[in-house]
Amino acid sequence: MTGQDPAAVHIDTSKPHPARMYDWFLGGKDNYPVDEEMAKQLLQLDARGRDMARVNRAFMHRATRWLGGNGIRQYLDIGTGIPTEPNLHQIAQQVAPDSRVVYCDNDPIVLAHAEALLRSTPEGATEYIQADARRPAAIIEAAGKVLDFDRPVALSLLALLHFVDDEDGAYELVNRLVGRLAPGSYLVLSHTTGDFDPEKAALARAMYRERGLTLRPRSRDEFTRFFDGLDLVDPGVSLTAEWHPELGEAVAVTGDDPIPGYAGLARVR
């Protein structure tokens, strides 16, 4: 780990944090009134907020099973969020017990619960890095103590990039991280979109902005651009709920409208 004492970290409860709101949507207890308040306001805007979180989590499970089944044994998960079982390393090590997983997040509350992310199989390894996703060089350096970047690594940024605006370097961030990966590595992404209801997406974005937070829904074309120069795995960019549904249990959702999010997995050449 980073050497920080989880008991000594400062948790800012003056404004909501996406990781803690995500925890609330998943039914977790590691959130604060400020997070619950905003999450409930988002539910008033779209009653399927919980469905979105559950669909995204289920995609992580399916993608990890696919990666493990295709020979990946190293994982770097940036924007991990508060531990919710099964975590990525549990899925990966079910497929291959020697899998090595490094988690990274910038929310101190995730650090406070990092012990749950460090329960590895004897054959494998897990580690947690407390760092901001916008510092890719520092993340790669720290992760290199556990992962061998001369060999394939699966890089996951799930439900993360919609919190990074274009002017803050969202595409450059991905390019810098992918540039450190060996051929045969994979990039795994999921992302919210306003394609199906632009007005609702604009209102959500304004709610985030009022609280000093960033939300940047992206169109299908904008999301696909993150994979430029890589080889998308079949079925390419799809709705998050529709990416290889055979690899996991179906998530029951409210209504018939699509859950507004895209997902994809691509191979590094």
Protein backbone atom coordinates (compact mmCIF):
# COMPACT_ATOMS: atom_id res chain seq x y z
CA MET A 1 0.00 0.00 0.00
CA THR A 2 0.97 3.65 0.12
CA GLY A 3 2.17 3.58 3.69
CA GLN A 4 -0.75 5.77 4.82
CA ASP A 5 -2.58 4.81 8.00
CA PRO A 6 -6.25 4.26 7.08
CA ALA A 7 -7.29 5.52 10.51
CA ALA A 8 -5.46 8.80 9.91
CA VAL A 9 -6.91 9.73 6.51
CA HIS A 10 -9.13 12.81 6.22
CA ILE A 11 -12.50 12.22 4.59
CA ASP A 12 -14.11 15.36 3.17
CA THR A 13 -17.83 15.22 3.91
CA SER A 14 -18.51 18.81 2.87
CA LYS A 15 -19.52 17.68 -0.61
CA PRO A 16 -20.53 14.39 -2.21
CA HIS A 17 -17.99 12.03 -3.73
CA PRO A 18 -18.82 9.81 -6.74
CA ALA A 19 -17.35 6.68 -5.10
CA ARG A 20 -19.54 7.13 -2.03
CA MET A 21 -22.66 7.85 -4.10
CA TYR A 22 -21.91 4.72 -6.13
CA ASP A 23 -21.69 2.81 -2.84
CA TRP A 24 -25.10 4.19 -1.81
CA PHE A 25 -26.65 3.17 -5.13
CA LEU A 26 -25.31 -0.37 -4.59
CA GLY A 27 -26.86 -0.50 -1.13
CA GLY A 28 -23.60 0.03 0.76
CA LYS A 29 -23.13 1.72 4.13
CA ASP A 30 -19.87 3.59 3.50
CA ASN A 31 -21.37 6.92 2.53
CA TYR A 32 -22.45 10.12 4.26
CA PRO A 33 -25.62 12.24 4.37
CA VAL A 34 -24.18 14.58 1.72
CA ASP A 35 -23.73 11.61 -0.63
CA GLU A 36 -27.17 10.18 0.09
CA GLU A 37 -28.80 13.58 -0.45
CA MET A 38 -27.34 13.99 -3.93
CA ALA A 39 -27.95 10.35 -4.85
CA LYS A 40 -31.62 10.74 -3.97
CA GLN A 41 -31.82 13.90 -6.07
CA LEU A 42 -30.34 11.97 -8.98
CA LEU A 43 -32.96 9.27 -8.45
CA GLN A 44 -35.66 11.94 -8.76
CA LEU A 45 -34.13 12.81 -12.11
CA ASP A 46 -33.83 9.17 -13.19
CA ALA A 47 -35.30 6.43 -11.01
CA ARG A 48 -32.87 3.91 -12.50
CA GLY A 49 -29.78 5.26 -10.75
CA ARG A 50 -29.39 2.05 -8.78
CA ASP A 51 -29.85 0.03 -11.96
CA MET A 52 -27.03 1.97 -13.63
CA ALA A 53 -24.63 1.14 -10.80
CA ARG A 54 -25.61 -2.53 -10.75
CA VAL A 55 -25.34 -2.87 -14.53
CA ASN A 56 -21.88 -1.32 -14.45
CA ARG A 57 -20.78 -3.64 -11.64
CA ALA A 58 -22.07 -6.66 -13.54
CA PHE A 59 -20.10 -5.57 -16.61
CA MET A 60 -16.92 -5.58 -14.51
CA HIS A 61 -17.63 -9.18 -13.50
CA ARG A 62 -18.23 -10.29 -17.10
CA ALA A 63 -15.23 -8.45 -18.51
CA THR A 64 -12.94 -9.92 -15.86
CA ARG A 65 -14.18 -13.44 -16.61
CA TRP A 66 -13.58 -12.84 -20.32
CA LEU A 67 -10.07 -11.53 -19.67
CA GLY A 68 -9.15 -14.41 -17.39
CA GLY A 69 -10.51 -16.87 -19.92
CA ASN A 70 -8.31 -15.27 -22.57
CA GLY A 71 -5.07 -15.57 -20.64
CA ILE A 72 -4.83 -12.29 -18.73
CA ARG A 73 -3.20 -12.68 -15.31
CA GLN A 74 -2.44 -9.02 -14.46
CA TYR A 75 -4.98 -6.28 -13.77
CA LEU A 76 -4.77 -2.55 -13.01
CA ASP A 77 -8.13 -1.17 -11.87
CA ILE A 78 -8.21 2.64 -11.64
CA GLY A 79 -11.20 4.25 -9.95
CA THR A 80 -11.84 1.15 -7.88
CA GLY A 81 -14.49 2.53 -5.58
CA ILE A 82 -15.51 1.19 -2.19
CA PRO A 83 -15.12 -2.61 -2.01
CA THR A 84 -18.29 -4.52 -2.92
CA GLU A 85 -18.06 -8.29 -3.16
CA PRO A 86 -17.24 -9.94 -5.39
CA ASN A 87 -14.39 -7.56 -6.13
CA LEU A 88 -12.35 -7.72 -9.33
CA HIS A 89 -9.54 -9.77 -7.79
CA GLN A 90 -12.01 -12.34 -6.50
CA ILE A 91 -13.42 -12.87 -9.99
CA ALA A 92 -9.95 -12.94 -11.57
CA GLN A 93 -8.56 -15.38 -9.01
CA GLN A 94 -11.58 -17.65 -9.38
CA VAL A 95 -10.60 -18.00 -13.03
CA ALA A 96 -6.83 -18.13 -12.38
CA PRO A 97 -5.57 -18.20 -8.76
CA ASP A 98 -2.20 -16.73 -9.78
CA SER A 99 -3.77 -13.47 -11.00
CA ARG A 100 -2.17 -10.24 -9.77
CA VAL A 101 -4.37 -7.18 -9.22
CA VAL A 102 -3.55 -3.57 -8.36
CA TYR A 103 -6.37 -1.23 -7.34
CA CYS A 104 -6.17 2.57 -7.44
CA ASP A 105 -8.51 5.28 -6.13
CA ASN A 106 -8.26 8.80 -4.77
CA ASP A 107 -11.05 8.69 -2.18
CA PRO A 108 -9.69 8.29 1.37
CA ILE A 109 -12.70 6.18 2.35
CA VAL A 110 -11.56 3.55 -0.17
CA LEU A 111 -8.18 3.49 1.55
CA ALA A 112 -9.96 3.00 4.87
CA HIS A 113 -11.54 -0.17 3.47
CA ALA A 114 -8.59 -1.33 1.39
CA GLU A 115 -8.03 -4.39 3.58
CA ALA A 116 -10.93 -6.04 1.76
CA LEU A 117 -9.05 -5.55 -1.51
CA LEU A 118 -5.87 -7.18 -0.23
CA ARG A 119 -7.19 -10.67 0.53
CA SER A 120 -5.42 -12.50 -2.26
CA THR A 121 -5.00 -16.17 -3.00
CA PRO A 122 -1.59 -17.53 -1.96
CA GLU A 123 -0.64 -17.92 -5.62
CA GLY A 124 -1.63 -14.40 -6.66
CA ALA A 125 -1.24 -10.89 -5.30
CA THR A 126 -3.30 -7.76 -4.67
CA GLU A 127 -2.23 -4.22 -3.86
CA TYR A 128 -3.91 -0.84 -3.35
CA ILE A 129 -2.57 2.55 -4.47
CA GLN A 130 -3.95 5.83 -3.15
CA ALA A 131 -3.54 8.15 -6.15
CA ASP A 132 -5.41 10.41 -8.54
CA ALA A 133 -6.20 8.94 -11.95
CA ARG A 134 -4.83 12.12 -13.52
CA ARG A 135 -1.31 11.14 -12.41
CA PRO A 136 -0.72 8.15 -14.71
CA ALA A 137 3.07 8.13 -14.41
CA ALA A 138 2.88 7.84 -10.61
CA ILE A 139 0.27 5.09 -10.87
CA ILE A 140 2.33 3.03 -13.32
CA GLU A 141 5.44 3.43 -11.18
CA ALA A 142 3.67 2.25 -8.02
CA ALA A 143 1.80 -0.55 -9.79
CA GLY A 144 5.08 -1.77 -11.26
CA LYS A 145 6.05 -3.11 -7.84
CA VAL A 146 3.38 -5.79 -8.30
CA LEU A 147 2.74 -5.93 -12.05
CA ASP A 148 5.20 -6.62 -14.85
CA PHE A 149 4.43 -4.06 -17.54
CA ASP A 150 6.57 -5.95 -20.04
CA ARG A 151 3.76 -8.52 -20.03
CA PRO A 152 0.06 -8.05 -20.83
CA VAL A 153 -2.04 -6.14 -18.30
CA ALA A 154 -5.77 -5.45 -18.31
CA LEU A 155 -6.31 -1.75 -17.58
CA SER A 156 -9.81 -0.96 -16.27
CA LEU A 157 -11.32 2.52 -15.97
CA LEU A 158 -14.92 1.71 -15.21
CA ALA A 159 -17.49 4.48 -14.73
CA LEU A 160 -14.55 6.85 -14.26
CA LEU A 161 -13.88 8.85 -17.41
CA HIS A 162 -17.25 10.61 -17.30
CA PHE A 163 -15.83 12.42 -14.25
CA VAL A 164 -12.96 13.82 -16.35
CA ASP A 165 -13.79 16.64 -18.76
CA ASP A 166 -12.19 17.05 -22.17
CA GLU A 167 -10.26 20.12 -21.09
CA ASP A 168 -8.91 18.16 -18.12
CA GLY A 169 -7.31 15.70 -20.51
CA ALA A 170 -9.57 12.65 -20.50
CA TYR A 171 -8.27 11.32 -23.82
CA GLU A 172 -4.67 12.19 -23.03
CA LEU A 173 -4.98 10.34 -19.72
CA VAL A 174 -6.06 7.15 -21.47
CA ASN A 175 -3.38 7.51 -24.15
CA ARG A 176 -0.63 7.92 -21.56
CA LEU A 177 -1.75 4.87 -19.62
CA VAL A 178 -2.21 2.69 -22.69
CA GLY A 179 1.17 3.83 -23.96
CA ARG A 180 2.79 2.02 -21.03
CA LEU A 181 1.08 -1.29 -21.76
CA ALA A 182 2.68 -4.24 -23.55
CA PRO A 183 1.18 -5.68 -26.75
CA GLY A 184 -1.57 -8.13 -25.88
CA SER A 185 -2.80 -5.94 -23.01
CA TYR A 186 -6.41 -4.79 -22.85
CA LEU A 187 -8.25 -1.54 -22.14
CA VAL A 188 -11.63 -1.96 -20.40
CA LEU A 189 -13.99 1.02 -20.22
CA SER A 190 -17.55 1.87 -19.25
CA HIS A 191 -19.11 5.31 -19.46
CA THR A 192 -22.42 7.11 -19.05
CA THR A 193 -24.08 8.77 -22.05
CA GLY A 194 -26.69 11.37 -22.86
CA ASP A 195 -27.52 9.81 -26.22
CA PHE A 196 -30.94 8.54 -25.11
CA ASP A 197 -32.09 11.59 -23.14
CA PRO A 198 -29.91 14.68 -23.71
CA GLU A 199 -32.11 16.92 -21.54
CA LYS A 200 -31.87 14.60 -18.54
CA ALA A 201 -28.10 14.29 -19.01
CA ALA A 202 -27.76 18.08 -19.09
CA LEU A 203 -29.73 18.39 -15.85
CA ALA A 204 -27.54 15.78 -14.16
CA ARG A 205 -24.44 17.59 -15.34
CA ALA A 206 -25.76 20.84 -13.86
CA MET A 207 -26.43 19.12 -10.53
CA TYR A 208 -22.82 17.95 -10.39
CA ARG A 209 -21.52 21.38 -11.39
CA GLU A 210 -23.50 23.08 -8.60
CA ARG A 211 -21.57 20.94 -6.11
CA GLY A 212 -18.17 21.57 -7.63
CA LEU A 213 -18.09 18.18 -9.34
CA THR A 214 -17.56 17.18 -12.96
CA LEU A 215 -19.90 15.00 -15.00
CA ARG A 216 -19.23 14.62 -18.71
CA PRO A 217 -21.59 12.19 -20.45
CA ARG A 218 -20.23 11.24 -23.87
CA SER A 219 -21.86 10.11 -27.08
CA ARG A 220 -21.15 6.72 -28.60
CA ASP A 221 -18.67 8.29 -31.02
CA GLU A 222 -16.93 10.22 -28.24
CA PHE A 223 -16.68 7.07 -26.14
CA THR A 224 -15.37 5.01 -29.06
CA ARG A 225 -12.58 7.55 -29.54
CA PHE A 226 -10.96 6.30 -26.30
CA PHE A 227 -10.17 3.08 -28.18
CA ASP A 228 -8.40 4.74 -31.13
CA GLY A 229 -5.41 2.67 -32.24
CA LEU A 230 -6.63 -0.44 -30.42
CA ASP A 231 -8.52 -3.51 -31.62
CA LEU A 232 -12.02 -3.68 -30.16
CA VAL A 233 -13.13 -7.11 -29.00
CA ASP A 234 -16.45 -8.38 -30.37
CA PRO A 235 -19.14 -6.98 -30.10
CA GLY A 236 -17.25 -3.67 -30.10
CA VAL A 237 -18.77 -0.74 -28.26
CA SER A 238 -22.16 -1.78 -26.90
CA LEU A 239 -24.67 -0.82 -24.27
CA THR A 240 -23.12 -1.76 -20.93
CA ALA A 241 -25.86 -4.28 -20.18
CA GLU A 242 -25.43 -5.97 -23.57
CA TRP A 243 -21.69 -6.71 -23.50
CA HIS A 244 -21.37 -10.54 -23.46
CA PRO A 245 -24.41 -11.15 -21.23
CA GLU A 246 -23.74 -14.90 -21.36
CA LEU A 247 -20.75 -14.40 -19.02
CA GLY A 248 -22.87 -13.41 -16.02
CA GLU A 249 -26.31 -13.28 -14.52
CA ALA A 250 -28.80 -10.83 -15.97
CA VAL A 251 -29.46 -7.65 -13.98
CA ALA A 252 -33.15 -6.86 -13.53
CA VAL A 253 -33.80 -3.21 -14.36
CA THR A 254 -36.76 -0.87 -14.18
CA GLY A 255 -38.66 -0.31 -17.43
CA ASP A 256 -37.78 -1.15 -21.01
CA ASP A 257 -35.61 1.83 -21.93
CA PRO A 258 -31.86 1.23 -22.34
CA ILE A 259 -29.64 1.91 -19.35
CA PRO A 260 -27.70 4.97 -20.62
CA GLY A 261 -24.15 3.72 -20.71
CA TYR A 262 -21.61 2.21 -23.09
CA ALA A 263 -18.89 -0.35 -22.52
CA GLY A 264 -16.06 -1.84 -24.51
CA LEU A 265 -12.88 -3.87 -24.30
CA ALA A 266 -9.98 -3.50 -26.73
CA ARG A 267 -6.62 -5.19 -27.29
CA VAL A 268 -3.32 -3.32 -27.44
CA ARG A 269 -1.42 -4.05 -30.65
